[in-house]
Amino acid sequence: AIAIGVLSHIVIDMIFHEKDIQLSPFSATPVWGLGILDYPWLNFA
């Protein structure tokens, strides 16, 4: 349950963030993020 809780954060952020979620600290690409934060009212809804 705790491990799922930890992983839930990055999964959710990959949906809402810009393309700033890297695969690892050791590689600048690929990056993920649907960019919903760029649309405030959609993000809020």
PDB file of all heavy atoms in Angstrom:
ATOM      1  N   ALA A   1       0.831  -1.217   0.000  1.00  0.00           N
ATOM      2  CA  ALA A   1       0.000   0.000   0.000  1.00  0.00           C
ATOM      3  C   ALA A   1       0.860   1.259   0.000  1.00  0.00           C
ATOM      4  O   ALA A   1       0.586   2.219  -0.739  1.00  0.00           O
ATOM      5  CB  ALA A   1      -0.933  -0.004   1.205  1.00  0.00           C
ATOM      6  N   ILE A   2       1.915   1.264   0.811  1.00  0.00           N
ATOM      7  CA  ILE A   2       2.803   2.425   0.884  1.00  0.00           C
ATOM      8  C   ILE A   2       3.548   2.605  -0.432  1.00  0.00           C
ATOM      9  O   ILE A   2       3.698   3.735  -0.928  1.00  0.00           O
ATOM     10  CB  ILE A   2       3.792   2.267   2.056  1.00  0.00           C
ATOM     11  CG1 ILE A   2       3.050   2.225   3.395  1.00  0.00           C
ATOM     12  CG2 ILE A   2       4.821   3.388   2.039  1.00  0.00           C
ATOM     13  CD1 ILE A   2       2.215   3.456   3.691  1.00  0.00           C
ATOM     14  N   ALA A   3       4.028   1.525  -1.023  1.00  0.00           N
ATOM     15  CA  ALA A   3       4.739   1.619  -2.298  1.00  0.00           C
ATOM     16  C   ALA A   3       3.821   2.160  -3.396  1.00  0.00           C
ATOM     17  O   ALA A   3       4.241   2.995  -4.213  1.00  0.00           O
ATOM     18  CB  ALA A   3       5.286   0.250  -2.694  1.00  0.00           C
ATOM     19  N   ILE A   4       2.579   1.719  -3.407  1.00  0.00           N
ATOM     20  CA  ILE A   4       1.613   2.240  -4.375  1.00  0.00           C
ATOM     21  C   ILE A   4       1.393   3.731  -4.145  1.00  0.00           C
ATOM     22  O   ILE A   4       1.304   4.516  -5.105  1.00  0.00           O
ATOM     23  CB  ILE A   4       0.282   1.466  -4.274  1.00  0.00           C
ATOM     24  CG1 ILE A   4       0.461   0.047  -4.806  1.00  0.00           C
ATOM     25  CG2 ILE A   4      -0.831   2.183  -5.039  1.00  0.00           C
ATOM     26  CD1 ILE A   4      -0.732  -0.855  -4.581  1.00  0.00           C
ATOM     27  N   GLY A   5       1.314   4.137  -2.883  1.00  0.00           N
ATOM     28  CA  GLY A   5       1.157   5.556  -2.574  1.00  0.00           C
ATOM     29  C   GLY A   5       2.301   6.391  -3.129  1.00  0.00           C
ATOM     30  O   GLY A   5       2.083   7.456  -3.718  1.00  0.00           O
ATOM     31  N   VAL A   6       3.517   5.902  -2.953  1.00  0.00           N
ATOM     32  CA  VAL A   6       4.687   6.627  -3.471  1.00  0.00           C
ATOM     33  C   VAL A   6       4.621   6.738  -4.988  1.00  0.00           C
ATOM     34  O   VAL A   6       4.818   7.815  -5.560  1.00  0.00           O
ATOM     35  CB  VAL A   6       5.993   5.925  -3.034  1.00  0.00           C
ATOM     36  CG1 VAL A   6       7.198   6.593  -3.697  1.00  0.00           C
ATOM     37  CG2 VAL A   6       6.144   5.959  -1.514  1.00  0.00           C
ATOM     38  N   LEU A   7       4.331   5.631  -5.651  1.00  0.00           N
ATOM     39  CA  LEU A   7       4.291   5.630  -7.119  1.00  0.00           C
ATOM     40  C   LEU A   7       3.134   6.465  -7.663  1.00  0.00           C
ATOM     41  O   LEU A   7       3.233   7.004  -8.774  1.00  0.00           O
ATOM     42  CB  LEU A   7       4.191   4.199  -7.636  1.00  0.00           C
ATOM     43  CG  LEU A   7       5.438   3.330  -7.479  1.00  0.00           C
ATOM     44  CD1 LEU A   7       5.157   1.908  -7.906  1.00  0.00           C
ATOM     45  CD2 LEU A   7       6.605   3.909  -8.288  1.00  0.00           C
ATOM     46  N   SER A   8       2.039   6.558  -6.900  1.00  0.00           N
ATOM     47  CA  SER A   8       0.882   7.317  -7.378  1.00  0.00           C
ATOM     48  C   SER A   8       1.244   8.761  -7.685  1.00  0.00           C
ATOM     49  O   SER A   8       0.692   9.363  -8.613  1.00  0.00           O
ATOM     50  CB  SER A   8      -0.247   7.276  -6.346  1.00  0.00           C
ATOM     51  OG  SER A   8       0.037   8.107  -5.217  1.00  0.00           O
ATOM     52  N   HIS A   9       2.180   9.310  -6.932  1.00  0.00           N
ATOM     53  CA  HIS A   9       2.535  10.723  -7.105  1.00  0.00           C
ATOM     54  C   HIS A   9       3.118  10.977  -8.487  1.00  0.00           C
ATOM     55  O   HIS A   9       2.709  11.913  -9.184  1.00  0.00           O
ATOM     56  CB  HIS A   9       3.524  11.156  -6.022  1.00  0.00           C
ATOM     57  CG  HIS A   9       3.715  12.626  -5.961  1.00  0.00           C
ATOM     58  ND1 HIS A   9       3.139  13.426  -4.988  1.00  0.00           N
ATOM     59  CD2 HIS A   9       4.397  13.491  -6.772  1.00  0.00           C
ATOM     60  CE1 HIS A   9       3.459  14.694  -5.205  1.00  0.00           C
ATOM     61  NE2 HIS A   9       4.230  14.754  -6.269  1.00  0.00           N
ATOM     62  N   ILE A  10       4.057  10.135  -8.884  1.00  0.00           N
ATOM     63  CA  ILE A  10       4.715  10.377 -10.174  1.00  0.00           C
ATOM     64  C   ILE A  10       3.761  10.076 -11.322  1.00  0.00           C
ATOM     65  O   ILE A  10       3.778  10.765 -12.359  1.00  0.00           O
ATOM     66  CB  ILE A  10       6.013   9.546 -10.293  1.00  0.00           C
ATOM     67  CG1 ILE A  10       6.925  10.112 -11.398  1.00  0.00           C
ATOM     68  CG2 ILE A  10       5.729   8.087 -10.547  1.00  0.00           C
ATOM     69  CD1 ILE A  10       7.562  11.417 -11.055  1.00  0.00           C
ATOM     70  N   VAL A  11       2.889   9.086 -11.165  1.00  0.00           N
ATOM     71  CA  VAL A  11       1.916   8.763 -12.216  1.00  0.00           C
ATOM     72  C   VAL A  11       0.977   9.940 -12.436  1.00  0.00           C
ATOM     73  O   VAL A  11       0.717  10.357 -13.574  1.00  0.00           O
ATOM     74  CB  VAL A  11       1.131   7.489 -11.852  1.00  0.00           C
ATOM     75  CG1 VAL A  11      -0.023   7.281 -12.830  1.00  0.00           C
ATOM     76  CG2 VAL A  11       2.047   6.271 -11.850  1.00  0.00           C
ATOM     77  N   ILE A  12       0.455  10.501 -11.353  1.00  0.00           N
ATOM     78  CA  ILE A  12      -0.452  11.640 -11.461  1.00  0.00           C
ATOM     79  C   ILE A  12       0.265  12.859 -12.044  1.00  0.00           C
ATOM     80  O   ILE A  12      -0.278  13.561 -12.903  1.00  0.00           O
ATOM     81  CB  ILE A  12      -1.059  11.969 -10.091  1.00  0.00           C
ATOM     82  CG1 ILE A  12      -2.016  10.855  -9.663  1.00  0.00           C
ATOM     83  CG2 ILE A  12      -1.790  13.312 -10.119  1.00  0.00           C
ATOM     84  CD1 ILE A  12      -2.502  10.964  -8.239  1.00  0.00           C
ATOM     85  N   ASP A  13       1.492  13.102 -11.591  1.00  0.00           N
ATOM     86  CA  ASP A  13       2.230  14.269 -12.094  1.00  0.00           C
ATOM     87  C   ASP A  13       2.561  14.139 -13.573  1.00  0.00           C
ATOM     88  O   ASP A  13       2.656  15.143 -14.285  1.00  0.00           O
ATOM     89  CB  ASP A  13       3.511  14.476 -11.281  1.00  0.00           C
ATOM     90  CG  ASP A  13       3.261  15.219  -9.985  1.00  0.00           C
ATOM     91  OD1 ASP A  13       2.092  15.568  -9.723  1.00  0.00           O
ATOM     92  OD2 ASP A  13       4.218  15.455  -9.229  1.00  0.00           O
ATOM     93  N   MET A  14       2.735  12.931 -14.063  1.00  0.00           N
ATOM     94  CA  MET A  14       2.986  12.748 -15.496  1.00  0.00           C
ATOM     95  C   MET A  14       1.769  13.165 -16.323  1.00  0.00           C
ATOM     96  O   MET A  14       1.907  13.526 -17.492  1.00  0.00           O
ATOM     97  CB  MET A  14       3.353  11.291 -15.789  1.00  0.00           C
ATOM     98  CG  MET A  14       4.744  10.916 -15.329  1.00  0.00           C
ATOM     99  SD  MET A  14       5.091   9.141 -15.449  1.00  0.00           S
ATOM    100  CE  MET A  14       5.119   8.928 -17.223  1.00  0.00           C
ATOM    101  N   ILE A  15       0.603  13.149 -15.726  1.00  0.00           N
ATOM    102  CA  ILE A  15      -0.608  13.592 -16.406  1.00  0.00           C
ATOM    103  C   ILE A  15      -0.717  15.117 -16.390  1.00  0.00           C
ATOM    104  O   ILE A  15      -1.036  15.734 -17.406  1.00  0.00           O
ATOM    105  CB  ILE A  15      -1.854  12.959 -15.764  1.00  0.00           C
ATOM    106  CG1 ILE A  15      -1.819  11.432 -15.927  1.00  0.00           C
ATOM    107  CG2 ILE A  15      -3.139  13.541 -16.359  1.00  0.00           C
ATOM    108  CD1 ILE A  15      -2.896  10.702 -15.144  1.00  0.00           C
ATOM    109  N   PHE A  16      -0.402  15.734 -15.270  1.00  0.00           N
ATOM    110  CA  PHE A  16      -0.664  17.156 -15.107  1.00  0.00           C
ATOM    111  C   PHE A  16       0.531  18.049 -15.455  1.00  0.00           C
ATOM    112  O   PHE A  16       0.340  19.183 -15.889  1.00  0.00           O
ATOM    113  CB  PHE A  16      -1.125  17.444 -13.670  1.00  0.00           C
ATOM    114  CG  PHE A  16      -2.539  17.022 -13.411  1.00  0.00           C
ATOM    115  CD1 PHE A  16      -2.829  15.745 -12.979  1.00  0.00           C
ATOM    116  CD2 PHE A  16      -3.590  17.902 -13.636  1.00  0.00           C
ATOM    117  CE1 PHE A  16      -4.144  15.342 -12.765  1.00  0.00           C
ATOM    118  CE2 PHE A  16      -4.905  17.521 -13.423  1.00  0.00           C
ATOM    119  CZ  PHE A  16      -5.183  16.236 -12.979  1.00  0.00           C
ATOM    120  N   HIS A  17       1.749  17.570 -15.267  1.00  0.00           N
ATOM    121  CA  HIS A  17       2.931  18.405 -15.497  1.00  0.00           C
ATOM    122  C   HIS A  17       3.153  18.703 -16.980  1.00  0.00           C
ATOM    123  O   HIS A  17       2.626  18.024 -17.858  1.00  0.00           O
ATOM    124  CB  HIS A  17       4.181  17.688 -14.980  1.00  0.00           C
ATOM    125  CG  HIS A  17       4.435  17.903 -13.527  1.00  0.00           C
ATOM    126  ND1 HIS A  17       5.698  18.059 -13.009  1.00  0.00           N
ATOM    127  CD2 HIS A  17       3.592  17.985 -12.473  1.00  0.00           C
ATOM    128  CE1 HIS A  17       5.637  18.211 -11.697  1.00  0.00           C
ATOM    129  NE2 HIS A  17       4.362  18.162 -11.342  1.00  0.00           N
ATOM    130  N   GLU A  18       3.996  19.708 -17.198  1.00  0.00           N
ATOM    131  CA  GLU A  18       4.585  19.881 -18.520  1.00  0.00           C
ATOM    132  C   GLU A  18       5.528  18.699 -18.772  1.00  0.00           C
ATOM    133  O   GLU A  18       5.695  17.834 -17.919  1.00  0.00           O
ATOM    134  CB  GLU A  18       5.383  21.188 -18.577  1.00  0.00           C
ATOM    135  CG  GLU A  18       4.562  22.433 -18.336  1.00  0.00           C
ATOM    136  CD  GLU A  18       5.429  23.678 -18.315  1.00  0.00           C
ATOM    137  OE1 GLU A  18       6.414  23.707 -17.541  1.00  0.00           O
ATOM    138  OE2 GLU A  18       5.120  24.600 -19.067  1.00  0.00           O
ATOM    139  N   LYS A  19       6.179  18.689 -19.925  1.00  0.00           N
ATOM    140  CA  LYS A  19       7.140  17.620 -20.211  1.00  0.00           C
ATOM    141  C   LYS A  19       8.404  17.859 -19.384  1.00  0.00           C
ATOM    142  O   LYS A  19       9.402  18.395 -19.858  1.00  0.00           O
ATOM    143  CB  LYS A  19       7.460  17.576 -21.701  1.00  0.00           C
ATOM    144  CG  LYS A  19       6.328  17.025 -22.563  1.00  0.00           C
ATOM    145  CD  LYS A  19       6.763  16.882 -24.016  1.00  0.00           C
ATOM    146  CE  LYS A  19       5.649  16.283 -24.865  1.00  0.00           C
ATOM    147  NZ  LYS A  19       5.314  14.895 -24.486  1.00  0.00           N
ATOM    148  N   ASP A  20       8.347  17.464 -18.116  1.00  0.00           N
ATOM    149  CA  ASP A  20       9.494  17.660 -17.233  1.00  0.00           C
ATOM    150  C   ASP A  20       9.778  16.435 -16.360  1.00  0.00           C
ATOM    151  O   ASP A  20      10.645  16.474 -15.497  1.00  0.00           O
ATOM    152  CB  ASP A  20       9.285  18.900 -16.339  1.00  0.00           C
ATOM    153  CG  ASP A  20       7.958  18.877 -15.577  1.00  0.00           C
ATOM    154  OD1 ASP A  20       7.449  17.784 -15.306  1.00  0.00           O
ATOM    155  OD2 ASP A  20       7.438  19.971 -15.266  1.00  0.00           O
ATOM    156  N   ILE A  21       9.045  15.338 -16.599  1.00  0.00           N
ATOM    157  CA  ILE A  21       9.281  14.112 -15.835  1.00  0.00           C
ATOM    158  C   ILE A  21      10.238  13.216 -16.626  1.00  0.00           C
ATOM    159  O   ILE A  21       9.877  12.638 -17.643  1.00  0.00           O
ATOM    160  CB  ILE A  21       7.965  13.350 -15.572  1.00  0.00           C
ATOM    161  CG1 ILE A  21       6.926  14.253 -14.906  1.00  0.00           C
ATOM    162  CG2 ILE A  21       8.239  12.114 -14.724  1.00  0.00           C
ATOM    163  CD1 ILE A  21       7.285  14.721 -13.527  1.00  0.00           C
ATOM    164  N   GLN A  22      11.476  13.137 -16.152  1.00  0.00           N
ATOM    165  CA  GLN A  22      12.485  12.332 -16.846  1.00  0.00           C
ATOM    166  C   GLN A  22      12.380  10.862 -16.468  1.00  0.00           C
ATOM    167  O   GLN A  22      11.830  10.508 -15.423  1.00  0.00           O
ATOM    168  CB  GLN A  22      13.888  12.838 -16.493  1.00  0.00           C
ATOM    169  CG  GLN A  22      14.173  14.249 -16.947  1.00  0.00           C
ATOM    170  CD  GLN A  22      15.558  14.726 -16.558  1.00  0.00           C
ATOM    171  OE1 GLN A  22      15.808  15.921 -16.514  1.00  0.00           O
ATOM    172  NE2 GLN A  22      16.475  13.797 -16.276  1.00  0.00           N
ATOM    173  N   LEU A  23      12.932  10.027 -17.328  1.00  0.00           N
ATOM    174  CA  LEU A  23      13.010   8.610 -17.015  1.00  0.00           C
ATOM    175  C   LEU A  23      13.931   8.379 -15.830  1.00  0.00           C
ATOM    176  O   LEU A  23      13.629   7.587 -14.933  1.00  0.00           O
ATOM    177  CB  LEU A  23      13.507   7.818 -18.227  1.00  0.00           C
ATOM    178  CG  LEU A  23      13.696   6.311 -18.019  1.00  0.00           C
ATOM    179  CD1 LEU A  23      12.373   5.645 -17.658  1.00  0.00           C
ATOM    180  CD2 LEU A  23      14.295   5.669 -19.272  1.00  0.00           C
ATOM    181  N   SER A  24      15.069   9.092 -15.816  1.00  0.00           N
ATOM    182  CA  SER A  24      16.021   8.962 -14.715  1.00  0.00           C
ATOM    183  C   SER A  24      16.845  10.244 -14.621  1.00  0.00           C
ATOM    184  O   SER A  24      16.865  11.046 -15.558  1.00  0.00           O
ATOM    185  CB  SER A  24      16.946   7.763 -14.950  1.00  0.00           C
ATOM    186  OG  SER A  24      17.978   8.097 -15.865  1.00  0.00           O
ATOM    187  N   PRO A  25      17.554  10.443 -13.500  1.00  0.00           N
ATOM    188  CA  PRO A  25      18.430  11.612 -13.375  1.00  0.00           C
ATOM    189  C   PRO A  25      19.626  11.559 -14.314  1.00  0.00           C
ATOM    190  O   PRO A  25      20.326  12.555 -14.477  1.00  0.00           O
ATOM    191  CB  PRO A  25      18.906  11.553 -11.910  1.00  0.00           C
ATOM    192  CG  PRO A  25      17.980  10.620 -11.227  1.00  0.00           C
ATOM    193  CD  PRO A  25      17.529   9.644 -12.271  1.00  0.00           C
ATOM    194  N   PHE A  26      19.855  10.399 -14.920  1.00  0.00           N
ATOM    195  CA  PHE A  26      21.054  10.194 -15.718  1.00  0.00           C
ATOM    196  C   PHE A  26      20.841  10.440 -17.209  1.00  0.00           C
ATOM    197  O   PHE A  26      21.756  10.279 -18.000  1.00  0.00           O
ATOM    198  CB  PHE A  26      21.570   8.767 -15.491  1.00  0.00           C
ATOM    199  CG  PHE A  26      21.563   8.349 -14.054  1.00  0.00           C
ATOM    200  CD1 PHE A  26      20.690   7.367 -13.600  1.00  0.00           C
ATOM    201  CD2 PHE A  26      22.405   8.957 -13.134  1.00  0.00           C
ATOM    202  CE1 PHE A  26      20.658   6.992 -12.275  1.00  0.00           C
ATOM    203  CE2 PHE A  26      22.388   8.588 -11.800  1.00  0.00           C
ATOM    204  CZ  PHE A  26      21.514   7.605 -11.368  1.00  0.00           C
ATOM    205  N   SER A  27      19.623  10.810 -17.587  1.00  0.00           N
ATOM    206  CA  SER A  27      19.321  11.043 -18.996  1.00  0.00           C
ATOM    207  C   SER A  27      18.287  12.144 -19.121  1.00  0.00           C
ATOM    208  O   SER A  27      17.254  12.114 -18.446  1.00  0.00           O
ATOM    209  CB  SER A  27      18.796   9.759 -19.647  1.00  0.00           C
ATOM    210  OG  SER A  27      18.384  10.013 -20.977  1.00  0.00           O
ATOM    211  N   ALA A  28      18.570  13.125 -19.970  1.00  0.00           N
ATOM    212  CA  ALA A  28      17.643  14.254 -20.153  1.00  0.00           C
ATOM    213  C   ALA A  28      16.416  13.881 -20.979  1.00  0.00           C
ATOM    214  O   ALA A  28      15.425  14.600 -20.997  1.00  0.00           O
ATOM    215  CB  ALA A  28      18.371  15.421 -20.813  1.00  0.00           C
ATOM    216  N   THR A  29      16.496  12.768 -21.678  1.00  0.00           N
ATOM    217  CA  THR A  29      15.369  12.283 -22.475  1.00  0.00           C
ATOM    218  C   THR A  29      15.215  10.782 -22.229  1.00  0.00           C
ATOM    219  O   THR A  29      16.195  10.105 -21.881  1.00  0.00           O
ATOM    220  CB  THR A  29      15.592  12.530 -23.983  1.00  0.00           C
ATOM    221  OG1 THR A  29      16.808  11.893 -24.390  1.00  0.00           O
ATOM    222  CG2 THR A  29      15.646  14.024 -24.283  1.00  0.00           C
ATOM    223  N   PRO A  30      14.007  10.240 -22.381  1.00  0.00           N
ATOM    224  CA  PRO A  30      12.764  10.937 -22.724  1.00  0.00           C
ATOM    225  C   PRO A  30      12.168  11.672 -21.522  1.00  0.00           C
ATOM    226  O   PRO A  30      12.575  11.421 -20.383  1.00  0.00           O
ATOM    227  CB  PRO A  30      11.855   9.779 -23.157  1.00  0.00           C
ATOM    228  CG  PRO A  30      12.332   8.621 -22.321  1.00  0.00           C
ATOM    229  CD  PRO A  30      13.824   8.790 -22.215  1.00  0.00           C
ATOM    230  N   VAL A  31      11.244  12.558 -21.790  1.00  0.00           N
ATOM    231  CA  VAL A  31      10.518  13.260 -20.734  1.00  0.00           C
ATOM    232  C   VAL A  31       9.023  13.132 -21.009  1.00  0.00           C
ATOM    233  O   VAL A  31       8.596  13.017 -22.149  1.00  0.00           O
ATOM    234  CB  VAL A  31      10.910  14.748 -20.645  1.00  0.00           C
ATOM    235  CG1 VAL A  31      12.315  14.916 -20.111  1.00  0.00           C
ATOM    236  CG2 VAL A  31      10.781  15.432 -22.007  1.00  0.00           C
ATOM    237  N   TRP A  32       8.257  13.157 -19.917  1.00  0.00           N
ATOM    238  CA  TRP A  32       6.811  12.986 -20.044  1.00  0.00           C
ATOM    239  C   TRP A  32       6.064  14.101 -19.325  1.00  0.00           C
ATOM    240  O   TRP A  32       6.584  14.747 -18.418  1.00  0.00           O
ATOM    241  CB  TRP A  32       6.387  11.643 -19.468  1.00  0.00           C
ATOM    242  CG  TRP A  32       6.865  10.466 -20.248  1.00  0.00           C
ATOM    243  CD1 TRP A  32       6.353   9.985 -21.424  1.00  0.00           C
ATOM    244  CD2 TRP A  32       7.961   9.618 -19.935  1.00  0.00           C
ATOM    245  NE1 TRP A  32       7.058   8.892 -21.844  1.00  0.00           N
ATOM    246  CE2 TRP A  32       8.051   8.635 -20.952  1.00  0.00           C
ATOM    247  CE3 TRP A  32       8.882   9.575 -18.876  1.00  0.00           C
ATOM    248  CZ2 TRP A  32       9.014   7.637 -20.944  1.00  0.00           C
ATOM    249  CZ3 TRP A  32       9.831   8.589 -18.871  1.00  0.00           C
ATOM    250  CH2 TRP A  32       9.900   7.631 -19.893  1.00  0.00           C
ATOM    251  N   GLY A  33       4.833  14.295 -19.734  1.00  0.00           N
ATOM    252  CA  GLY A  33       3.937  15.276 -19.133  1.00  0.00           C
ATOM    253  C   GLY A  33       2.929  15.752 -20.165  1.00  0.00           C
ATOM    254  O   GLY A  33       3.327  16.157 -21.263  1.00  0.00           O
ATOM    255  N   LEU A  34       1.647  15.666 -19.834  1.00  0.00           N
ATOM    256  CA  LEU A  34       0.607  16.080 -20.778  1.00  0.00           C
ATOM    257  C   LEU A  34       0.366  17.583 -20.772  1.00  0.00           C
ATOM    258  O   LEU A  34      -0.315  18.099 -21.652  1.00  0.00           O
ATOM    259  CB  LEU A  34      -0.706  15.345 -20.459  1.00  0.00           C
ATOM    260  CG  LEU A  34      -0.686  13.825 -20.631  1.00  0.00           C
ATOM    261  CD1 LEU A  34      -2.062  13.250 -20.315  1.00  0.00           C
ATOM    262  CD2 LEU A  34      -0.254  13.439 -22.039  1.00  0.00           C
ATOM    263  N   GLY A  35       0.908  18.284 -19.774  1.00  0.00           N
ATOM    264  CA  GLY A  35       0.823  19.747 -19.777  1.00  0.00           C
ATOM    265  C   GLY A  35      -0.526  20.317 -19.388  1.00  0.00           C
ATOM    266  O   GLY A  35      -0.847  21.453 -19.760  1.00  0.00           O
ATOM    267  N   ILE A  36      -1.324  19.577 -18.630  1.00  0.00           N
ATOM    268  CA  ILE A  36      -2.634  20.095 -18.221  1.00  0.00           C
ATOM    269  C   ILE A  36      -2.491  21.345 -17.362  1.00  0.00           C
ATOM    270  O   ILE A  36      -3.364  22.224 -17.388  1.00  0.00           O
ATOM    271  CB  ILE A  36      -3.429  18.994 -17.496  1.00  0.00           C
ATOM    272  CG1 ILE A  36      -3.814  17.897 -18.500  1.00  0.00           C
ATOM    273  CG2 ILE A  36      -4.678  19.543 -16.822  1.00  0.00           C
ATOM    274  CD1 ILE A  36      -4.479  16.688 -17.890  1.00  0.00           C
ATOM    275  N   LEU A  37      -1.394  21.460 -16.637  1.00  0.00           N
ATOM    276  CA  LEU A  37      -1.162  22.659 -15.818  1.00  0.00           C
ATOM    277  C   LEU A  37      -1.142  23.942 -16.653  1.00  0.00           C
ATOM    278  O   LEU A  37      -1.357  25.037 -16.122  1.00  0.00           O
ATOM    279  CB  LEU A  37       0.159  22.531 -15.054  1.00  0.00           C
ATOM    280  CG  LEU A  37       0.164  21.605 -13.833  1.00  0.00           C
ATOM    281  CD1 LEU A  37       1.581  21.407 -13.324  1.00  0.00           C
ATOM    282  CD2 LEU A  37      -0.713  22.171 -12.727  1.00  0.00           C
ATOM    283  N   ASP A  38      -0.886  23.827 -17.939  1.00  0.00           N
ATOM    284  CA  ASP A  38      -0.865  25.007 -18.805  1.00  0.00           C
ATOM    285  C   ASP A  38      -2.265  25.542 -19.095  1.00  0.00           C
ATOM    286  O   ASP A  38      -2.404  26.615 -19.673  1.00  0.00           O
ATOM    287  CB  ASP A  38      -0.177  24.673 -20.138  1.00  0.00           C
ATOM    288  CG  ASP A  38       1.320  24.488 -19.977  1.00  0.00           C
ATOM    289  OD1 ASP A  38       1.880  25.046 -19.012  1.00  0.00           O
ATOM    290  OD2 ASP A  38       1.930  23.792 -20.806  1.00  0.00           O
ATOM    291  N   TYR A  39      -3.289  24.799 -18.712  1.00  0.00           N
ATOM    292  CA  TYR A  39      -4.680  25.197 -18.941  1.00  0.00           C
ATOM    293  C   TYR A  39      -5.389  25.245 -17.589  1.00  0.00           C
ATOM    294  O   TYR A  39      -6.030  24.271 -17.177  1.00  0.00           O
ATOM    295  CB  TYR A  39      -5.359  24.212 -19.892  1.00  0.00           C
ATOM    296  CG  TYR A  39      -4.594  24.021 -21.181  1.00  0.00           C
ATOM    297  CD1 TYR A  39      -3.665  22.985 -21.314  1.00  0.00           C
ATOM    298  CD2 TYR A  39      -4.774  24.900 -22.252  1.00  0.00           C
ATOM    299  CE1 TYR A  39      -2.949  22.823 -22.495  1.00  0.00           C
ATOM    300  CE2 TYR A  39      -4.058  24.738 -23.432  1.00  0.00           C
ATOM    301  CZ  TYR A  39      -3.149  23.695 -23.540  1.00  0.00           C
ATOM    302  OH  TYR A  39      -2.441  23.543 -24.705  1.00  0.00           O
ATOM    303  N   PRO A  40      -5.266  26.386 -16.887  1.00  0.00           N
ATOM    304  CA  PRO A  40      -5.683  26.464 -15.478  1.00  0.00           C
ATOM    305  C   PRO A  40      -7.108  26.010 -15.193  1.00  0.00           C
ATOM    306  O   PRO A  40      -7.345  25.297 -14.217  1.00  0.00           O
ATOM    307  CB  PRO A  40      -5.492  27.948 -15.143  1.00  0.00           C
ATOM    308  CG  PRO A  40      -4.450  28.421 -16.100  1.00  0.00           C
ATOM    309  CD  PRO A  40      -4.684  27.658 -17.357  1.00  0.00           C
ATOM    310  N   TRP A  41      -8.063  26.414 -16.020  1.00  0.00           N
ATOM    311  CA  TRP A  41      -9.445  26.044 -15.726  1.00  0.00           C
ATOM    312  C   TRP A  41      -9.686  24.565 -15.969  1.00  0.00           C
ATOM    313  O   TRP A  41     -10.441  23.912 -15.222  1.00  0.00           O
ATOM    314  CB  TRP A  41     -10.420  26.903 -16.537  1.00  0.00           C
ATOM    315  CG  TRP A  41     -10.521  28.296 -15.997  1.00  0.00           C
ATOM    316  CD1 TRP A  41     -10.031  29.433 -16.559  1.00  0.00           C
ATOM    317  CD2 TRP A  41     -11.130  28.688 -14.762  1.00  0.00           C
ATOM    318  NE1 TRP A  41     -10.285  30.521 -15.752  1.00  0.00           N
ATOM    319  CE2 TRP A  41     -10.961  30.094 -14.655  1.00  0.00           C
ATOM    320  CE3 TRP A  41     -11.792  28.007 -13.749  1.00  0.00           C
ATOM    321  CZ2 TRP A  41     -11.451  30.814 -13.548  1.00  0.00           C
ATOM    322  CZ3 TRP A  41     -12.269  28.718 -12.655  1.00  0.00           C
ATOM    323  CH2 TRP A  41     -12.101  30.106 -12.565  1.00  0.00           C
ATOM    324  N   LEU A  42      -9.060  23.991 -16.977  1.00  0.00           N
ATOM    325  CA  LEU A  42      -9.142  22.553 -17.190  1.00  0.00           C
ATOM    326  C   LEU A  42      -8.469  21.817 -16.045  1.00  0.00           C
ATOM    327  O   LEU A  42      -8.985  20.815 -15.529  1.00  0.00           O
ATOM    328  CB  LEU A  42      -8.487  22.176 -18.524  1.00  0.00           C
ATOM    329  CG  LEU A  42      -8.392  20.676 -18.828  1.00  0.00           C
ATOM    330  CD1 LEU A  42      -9.776  20.049 -18.901  1.00  0.00           C
ATOM    331  CD2 LEU A  42      -7.601  20.437 -20.115  1.00  0.00           C
ATOM    332  N   ASN A  43      -7.318  22.326 -15.647  1.00  0.00           N
ATOM    333  CA  ASN A  43      -6.595  21.744 -14.525  1.00  0.00           C
ATOM    334  C   ASN A  43      -7.465  21.755 -13.269  1.00  0.00           C
ATOM    335  O   ASN A  43      -7.582  20.741 -12.565  1.00  0.00           O
ATOM    336  CB  ASN A  43      -5.304  22.531 -14.286  1.00  0.00           C
ATOM    337  CG  ASN A  43      -4.476  21.957 -13.150  1.00  0.00           C
ATOM    338  OD1 ASN A  43      -4.366  20.756 -12.993  1.00  0.00           O
ATOM    339  ND2 ASN A  43      -3.893  22.826 -12.349  1.00  0.00           N
ATOM    340  N   PHE A  44      -8.084  22.899 -13.001  1.00  0.00           N
ATOM    341  CA  PHE A  44      -8.949  23.009 -11.818  1.00  0.00           C
ATOM    342  C   PHE A  44     -10.094  22.016 -11.890  1.00  0.00           C
ATOM    343  O   PHE A  44     -10.397  21.315 -10.912  1.00  0.00           O
ATOM    344  CB  PHE A  44      -9.501  24.427 -11.705  1.00  0.00           C
ATOM    345  CG  PHE A  44     -10.543  24.573 -10.626  1.00  0.00           C
ATOM    346  CD1 PHE A  44     -10.188  24.618  -9.291  1.00  0.00           C
ATOM    347  CD2 PHE A  44     -11.893  24.633 -10.968  1.00  0.00           C
ATOM    348  CE1 PHE A  44     -11.152  24.731  -8.298  1.00  0.00           C
ATOM    349  CE2 PHE A  44     -12.865  24.745  -9.980  1.00  0.00           C
ATOM    350  CZ  PHE A  44     -12.494  24.797  -8.641  1.00  0.00           C
ATOM    351  N   ALA A  45     -10.751  21.929 -13.049  1.00  0.00           N
ATOM    352  CA  ALA A  45     -11.908  21.045 -13.194  1.00  0.00           C
ATOM    353  C   ALA A  45     -11.516  19.585 -12.978  1.00  0.00           C
ATOM    354  O   ALA A  45     -12.206  18.841 -12.258  1.00  0.00           O
ATOM    355  CB  ALA A  45     -12.534  21.224 -14.577  1.00  0.00           C
TER     356      ALA A  45
END
